[in-house]
Amino acid sequence: MKIHLRQRKQTKKGNISLYLEIYKGTTKNANGKIVGNRDYEYLDLYLVDKPRTPIDKQHNKETLKLAENKSKKRA
């Protein structure tokens, strides 16, 4: 099982959402095609897109550290 920390840009607010992508391996479907099994866990953590102030930059650093710690605990 592999866990990746991913980012996705939110369209309404312009923030970047953080989530975990959990890869659980592969299976074959009815047609014989190999399909990857993935789960997604949204962390409710957001980064400021294009931070301009030092406060925004610090917020992004702290949020990324928190998200990385959560992904390490999940592994």
N, C-alpha and C. Protein backbone atom coordinates (compact mmCIF):
# COMPACT_ATOMS: atom_id res chain seq x y z
N MET A 1 0.85 -1.17 0.00
CA MET A 1 0.00 0.00 0.00
C MET A 1 0.90 1.24 0.00
N LYS A 2 0.68 2.12 -0.96
CA LYS A 2 1.45 3.35 -1.08
C LYS A 2 0.53 4.54 -0.81
N ILE A 3 1.08 5.53 -0.16
CA ILE A 3 0.31 6.72 0.17
C ILE A 3 1.05 7.94 -0.37
N HIS A 4 0.33 8.77 -1.12
CA HIS A 4 0.90 9.98 -1.69
C HIS A 4 0.10 11.19 -1.23
N LEU A 5 0.80 12.26 -0.91
CA LEU A 5 0.15 13.52 -0.57
C LEU A 5 -0.03 14.28 -1.87
N ARG A 6 -1.27 14.61 -2.19
CA ARG A 6 -1.59 15.29 -3.44
C ARG A 6 -2.20 16.65 -3.17
N GLN A 7 -2.13 17.52 -4.19
CA GLN A 7 -2.72 18.85 -4.10
C GLN A 7 -3.69 19.04 -5.26
N ARG A 8 -4.78 19.75 -4.97
CA ARG A 8 -5.76 20.03 -6.00
C ARG A 8 -6.24 21.46 -5.83
N LYS A 9 -6.24 22.23 -6.89
CA LYS A 9 -6.65 23.61 -6.82
C LYS A 9 -8.17 23.71 -6.73
N GLN A 10 -8.65 24.49 -5.78
CA GLN A 10 -10.08 24.73 -5.61
C GLN A 10 -10.47 25.89 -6.53
N THR A 11 -11.57 25.76 -7.23
CA THR A 11 -11.96 26.78 -8.19
C THR A 11 -12.70 27.95 -7.55
N LYS A 12 -13.50 27.71 -6.54
CA LYS A 12 -14.32 28.79 -5.96
C LYS A 12 -13.49 29.78 -5.16
N LYS A 13 -12.65 29.27 -4.25
CA LYS A 13 -11.91 30.14 -3.36
C LYS A 13 -10.50 30.44 -3.85
N GLY A 14 -9.99 29.65 -4.75
CA GLY A 14 -8.64 29.85 -5.24
C GLY A 14 -7.57 29.24 -4.35
N ASN A 15 -7.97 28.46 -3.35
CA ASN A 15 -7.01 27.79 -2.48
C ASN A 15 -6.63 26.45 -3.06
N ILE A 16 -5.65 25.81 -2.43
CA ILE A 16 -5.21 24.48 -2.86
C ILE A 16 -5.56 23.49 -1.76
N SER A 17 -6.32 22.47 -2.11
CA SER A 17 -6.76 21.46 -1.16
C SER A 17 -5.74 20.33 -1.10
N LEU A 18 -5.50 19.81 0.09
CA LEU A 18 -4.57 18.70 0.27
C LEU A 18 -5.34 17.42 0.58
N TYR A 19 -4.92 16.31 -0.05
CA TYR A 19 -5.56 15.03 0.20
C TYR A 19 -4.55 13.91 0.04
N LEU A 20 -4.91 12.76 0.59
CA LEU A 20 -4.07 11.57 0.47
C LEU A 20 -4.65 10.64 -0.59
N GLU A 21 -3.77 10.13 -1.45
CA GLU A 21 -4.15 9.12 -2.42
C GLU A 21 -3.56 7.80 -1.92
N ILE A 22 -4.42 6.85 -1.64
CA ILE A 22 -3.99 5.57 -1.08
C ILE A 22 -4.12 4.52 -2.18
N TYR A 23 -2.98 4.00 -2.62
CA TYR A 23 -2.94 3.01 -3.70
C TYR A 23 -2.94 1.62 -3.08
N LYS A 24 -3.93 0.80 -3.45
CA LYS A 24 -4.11 -0.51 -2.83
C LYS A 24 -3.78 -1.67 -3.76
N GLY A 25 -3.20 -1.41 -4.91
CA GLY A 25 -2.86 -2.49 -5.83
C GLY A 25 -3.76 -2.48 -7.05
N THR A 26 -3.76 -3.60 -7.79
CA THR A 26 -4.55 -3.68 -9.01
C THR A 26 -5.45 -4.91 -9.00
N THR A 27 -6.50 -4.84 -9.81
CA THR A 27 -7.39 -5.98 -10.04
C THR A 27 -7.78 -5.97 -11.52
N LYS A 28 -8.36 -7.05 -11.97
CA LYS A 28 -8.88 -7.13 -13.33
C LYS A 28 -10.39 -6.94 -13.30
N ASN A 29 -10.90 -6.16 -14.23
CA ASN A 29 -12.35 -5.99 -14.30
C ASN A 29 -12.95 -7.06 -15.21
N ALA A 30 -14.23 -6.98 -15.50
CA ALA A 30 -14.92 -8.00 -16.28
C ALA A 30 -14.37 -8.14 -17.70
N ASN A 31 -13.82 -7.07 -18.24
CA ASN A 31 -13.28 -7.11 -19.59
C ASN A 31 -11.84 -7.60 -19.64
N GLY A 32 -11.24 -7.86 -18.49
CA GLY A 32 -9.87 -8.32 -18.43
C GLY A 32 -8.86 -7.19 -18.35
N LYS A 33 -9.34 -5.96 -18.25
CA LYS A 33 -8.46 -4.81 -18.16
C LYS A 33 -7.98 -4.64 -16.71
N ILE A 34 -6.72 -4.31 -16.55
CA ILE A 34 -6.15 -4.11 -15.21
C ILE A 34 -6.50 -2.70 -14.73
N VAL A 35 -7.08 -2.63 -13.54
CA VAL A 35 -7.54 -1.37 -12.97
C VAL A 35 -6.88 -1.18 -11.60
N GLY A 36 -6.38 0.02 -11.34
CA GLY A 36 -5.77 0.32 -10.04
C GLY A 36 -6.83 0.62 -9.00
N ASN A 37 -6.66 0.09 -7.80
CA ASN A 37 -7.57 0.37 -6.69
C ASN A 37 -6.99 1.51 -5.87
N ARG A 38 -7.75 2.61 -5.79
CA ARG A 38 -7.30 3.78 -5.05
C ARG A 38 -8.43 4.29 -4.17
N ASP A 39 -8.03 4.80 -3.01
CA ASP A 39 -8.95 5.52 -2.14
C ASP A 39 -8.38 6.91 -1.93
N TYR A 40 -9.27 7.85 -1.65
CA TYR A 40 -8.85 9.22 -1.41
C TYR A 40 -9.36 9.66 -0.05
N GLU A 41 -8.48 10.32 0.69
CA GLU A 41 -8.85 10.85 2.01
C GLU A 41 -8.52 12.33 2.03
N TYR A 42 -9.57 13.16 2.06
CA TYR A 42 -9.37 14.60 2.08
C TYR A 42 -9.07 15.03 3.51
N LEU A 43 -8.07 15.89 3.67
CA LEU A 43 -7.56 16.25 4.98
C LEU A 43 -8.18 17.54 5.54
N ASP A 44 -8.98 18.25 4.77
CA ASP A 44 -9.55 19.54 5.17
C ASP A 44 -8.44 20.53 5.53
N LEU A 45 -7.34 20.45 4.80
CA LEU A 45 -6.24 21.39 4.94
C LEU A 45 -6.08 22.12 3.61
N TYR A 46 -5.83 23.42 3.68
CA TYR A 46 -5.76 24.22 2.47
C TYR A 46 -4.53 25.11 2.49
N LEU A 47 -3.92 25.27 1.31
CA LEU A 47 -2.79 26.16 1.12
C LEU A 47 -3.27 27.41 0.41
N VAL A 48 -2.58 28.52 0.64
CA VAL A 48 -2.88 29.76 -0.05
C VAL A 48 -2.18 29.71 -1.40
N ASP A 49 -2.95 29.88 -2.47
CA ASP A 49 -2.37 29.88 -3.80
C ASP A 49 -1.68 31.23 -4.04
N LYS A 50 -0.45 31.21 -4.48
CA LYS A 50 0.36 32.40 -4.73
C LYS A 50 0.46 33.28 -3.48
N PRO A 51 1.12 32.79 -2.42
CA PRO A 51 1.23 33.58 -1.19
C PRO A 51 2.07 34.83 -1.42
N ARG A 52 1.57 35.94 -0.91
CA ARG A 52 2.26 37.21 -1.10
C ARG A 52 2.88 37.73 0.18
N THR A 53 2.27 37.42 1.31
CA THR A 53 2.78 37.94 2.57
C THR A 53 3.55 36.86 3.31
N PRO A 54 4.43 37.26 4.22
CA PRO A 54 5.15 36.27 5.02
C PRO A 54 4.22 35.41 5.88
N ILE A 55 3.09 35.95 6.28
CA ILE A 55 2.12 35.18 7.07
C ILE A 55 1.55 34.03 6.23
N ASP A 56 1.22 34.32 4.97
CA ASP A 56 0.70 33.28 4.08
C ASP A 56 1.75 32.20 3.82
N LYS A 57 3.00 32.62 3.64
CA LYS A 57 4.08 31.66 3.40
C LYS A 57 4.30 30.76 4.61
N GLN A 58 4.25 31.34 5.80
CA GLN A 58 4.41 30.57 7.03
C GLN A 58 3.24 29.60 7.20
N HIS A 59 2.04 30.06 6.90
CA HIS A 59 0.84 29.22 6.99
C HIS A 59 1.00 28.00 6.07
N ASN A 60 1.48 28.22 4.85
CA ASN A 60 1.66 27.12 3.90
C ASN A 60 2.69 26.11 4.40
N LYS A 61 3.79 26.59 4.99
CA LYS A 61 4.82 25.69 5.51
C LYS A 61 4.27 24.83 6.63
N GLU A 62 3.54 25.46 7.57
CA GLU A 62 2.99 24.72 8.70
C GLU A 62 1.94 23.72 8.25
N THR A 63 1.12 24.10 7.30
CA THR A 63 0.08 23.21 6.80
C THR A 63 0.69 22.01 6.08
N LEU A 64 1.73 22.23 5.29
CA LEU A 64 2.39 21.11 4.61
C LEU A 64 3.04 20.15 5.60
N LYS A 65 3.65 20.67 6.65
CA LYS A 65 4.25 19.80 7.67
C LYS A 65 3.18 18.96 8.35
N LEU A 66 2.05 19.59 8.67
CA LEU A 66 0.94 18.87 9.30
C LEU A 66 0.42 17.77 8.39
N ALA A 67 0.27 18.06 7.11
CA ALA A 67 -0.22 17.07 6.14
C ALA A 67 0.77 15.93 5.98
N GLU A 68 2.06 16.23 5.95
CA GLU A 68 3.06 15.18 5.83
C GLU A 68 3.06 14.27 7.06
N ASN A 69 2.88 14.86 8.23
CA ASN A 69 2.80 14.05 9.45
C ASN A 69 1.58 13.12 9.42
N LYS A 70 0.45 13.63 8.92
CA LYS A 70 -0.74 12.79 8.82
C LYS A 70 -0.53 11.64 7.83
N SER A 71 0.18 11.91 6.73
CA SER A 71 0.41 10.85 5.76
C SER A 71 1.38 9.80 6.32
N LYS A 72 2.36 10.22 7.12
CA LYS A 72 3.28 9.25 7.73
C LYS A 72 2.57 8.39 8.77
N LYS A 73 1.65 8.98 9.52
CA LYS A 73 0.89 8.20 10.49
C LYS A 73 -0.01 7.19 9.80
N ARG A 74 -0.52 7.56 8.63
CA ARG A 74 -1.44 6.69 7.89
C ARG A 74 -0.71 5.50 7.30
N ALA A 75 0.57 5.67 6.99
CA ALA A 75 1.35 4.60 6.34
C ALA A 75 1.67 3.46 7.22
